[in-house]
């Protein structure tokens, strides 16, 4: 089934479930359901805890990757982080305003109240609350659903990667005993996997999970690096907002809303942990993967069809109500080239968003 059709069905399913969770009539429109829900929840926080009464300004990282943050040709942002931002604001009884930023550092110069997509490495000035997803380099194959591969299963196989990504370097340096075939983009790699031309694809786990919607018979087969948890960041000095965001995210996790949003964008991808690691892989972090790849260089594994891997002020008022194209030079900071950010969330680039993939936004 094509991606647009599959995701449209998921969106309709999500709408039905979320409307029920919100206690709204199933006969009303999406806007009526949203408005009704907002009217039922009194704002949990107000200025000066947040910058503007009635509005939660949420920074989303434009380099977070697929399907966390993606941008269509009209400049509109979609993805898991966009939906989580909407769900979080709704739980707090507030409207949501997205604040696009190309890094956590850039987000800190805006008037964002909350920054999504942060990890413990961003915790110098931020408190990272309530992880809503995990990121790691994932492995996908034509395997039985729920089966986690072992290293012995990879020996002698062919693993597809996108040329120039960290997955290529990771697989080259991991000593898997596999042949690496490089592709110009992730769609080409998954098409080859679906057709049986290769045995596995290594890529960001969340991105690969998104692509399994389109490429029939492809399944998650494990992770090659230890997962890193991703959550919402709030200034540590704003204790009241830290507490409110923690409670709100815990609520959407316990009431099933977060599970619906994850399913919408990542299907059946499980929560990533040490239990999802490919058995026998020695790499326990992205850093060790990078070191192994650098040491391996062109000799690490056989590479076909591609070149071997070579070694502010939060109150400044710069938040944007709309989601415009990000202009100017893009600053790569921290996780911009991490194992879960190898493909930028730019739908006008190598990744093609299929029609209807974003039929609705978060609806609670």
Foldseek 3Di string as FASTA:
>chain_A
DALQVLLLVLVVVLQVVVLVLLVHDPPDDLVVSQVVSLVVADAQDAPPLAQHGQEAEEEEAQLLAPPQWAADPQLAIAHLVQQVQCLLQSLRSHGYFYFYDNDPVRLQAAQHQKYWFDFPVPPPFWDFADFLAKKFWFKKFLDDAPAAAALVVQAAFEEEEAAPALQLLLVLLQLSNYEYEHDPDDVVRLVCRLVVVGGMYIAMLLNVLQCCSGRDSMYTHFGLEFITTIGMIGGPVSVVVNVSSNVSSVVCVVSVNSVSSSCSRRNPDDGGHPVRHHHPGPHHHSVVSLVSSQVCFPNSHHYPPHDTDHNHHNNPHPGDRGRHDDDDDRDDDDCSRPRNRRDGSYCVPPHPDDPNSPVDHNRD
